[in-house]
Amino acid sequence: MKPTIILGAASALMRSKRAKLLFLGLQFGYLTYRLVKEKRQKDMATEHSH
């Protein structure tokens, strides 16, 4: 199961707005990390092919 799905489900189960915002922030941070990681890998792959 993907971590984003787990974080989203945990956020939906929380009653506290503060906890929901915390889980949404974690989910956003994780997605941003993955996007940056994939972009760096793609950039390095094109660098090595030249």
Protein backbone atom coordinates (compact mmCIF):
# COMPACT_ATOMS: atom_id res chain seq x y z
CA MET A 1 0.00 0.00 0.00
CA LYS A 2 1.30 3.44 -0.87
CA PRO A 3 2.30 5.75 2.00
CA THR A 4 0.13 8.55 0.60
CA ILE A 5 -2.98 6.34 0.84
CA ILE A 6 -2.13 5.44 4.44
CA LEU A 7 -1.58 9.10 5.37
CA GLY A 8 -4.81 10.12 3.64
CA ALA A 9 -6.79 7.43 5.46
CA ALA A 10 -5.25 8.39 8.80
CA SER A 11 -6.11 12.02 8.13
CA ALA A 12 -9.73 11.13 7.38
CA LEU A 13 -10.01 9.20 10.67
CA MET A 14 -8.76 12.08 12.81
CA ARG A 15 -11.28 14.30 14.55
CA SER A 16 -8.91 17.11 15.42
CA LYS A 17 -8.36 19.74 12.74
CA ARG A 18 -4.77 20.13 13.91
CA ALA A 19 -4.11 16.40 13.44
CA LYS A 20 -5.73 16.46 9.99
CA LEU A 21 -3.51 19.35 8.96
CA LEU A 22 -0.48 17.50 10.29
CA PHE A 23 -1.26 14.42 8.20
CA LEU A 24 -2.00 16.54 5.12
CA GLY A 25 1.34 18.28 5.60
CA LEU A 26 3.12 14.94 5.87
CA GLN A 27 1.40 13.71 2.72
CA PHE A 28 2.31 16.89 0.83
CA GLY A 29 5.91 16.68 2.03
CA TYR A 30 6.22 13.05 0.96
CA LEU A 31 4.79 13.77 -2.49
CA THR A 32 7.17 16.71 -2.90
CA TYR A 33 10.12 14.53 -1.85
CA ARG A 34 9.18 11.88 -4.42
CA LEU A 35 8.77 14.47 -7.18
CA VAL A 36 12.19 16.00 -6.48
CA LYS A 37 13.80 12.57 -6.23
CA GLU A 38 12.36 11.45 -9.59
CA LYS A 39 13.40 14.72 -11.25
CA ARG A 40 16.97 14.38 -9.97
CA GLN A 41 17.18 10.78 -11.18
CA LYS A 42 15.88 11.80 -14.59
CA ASP A 43 18.37 14.70 -14.79
CA MET A 44 21.26 12.41 -13.82
CA ALA A 45 20.22 9.84 -16.42
CA THR A 46 20.22 12.46 -19.19
CA GLU A 47 23.57 13.81 -17.96
CA HIS A 48 25.21 10.40 -18.24
CA SER A 49 23.82 9.74 -21.70
CA HIS A 50 25.60 12.78 -23.21
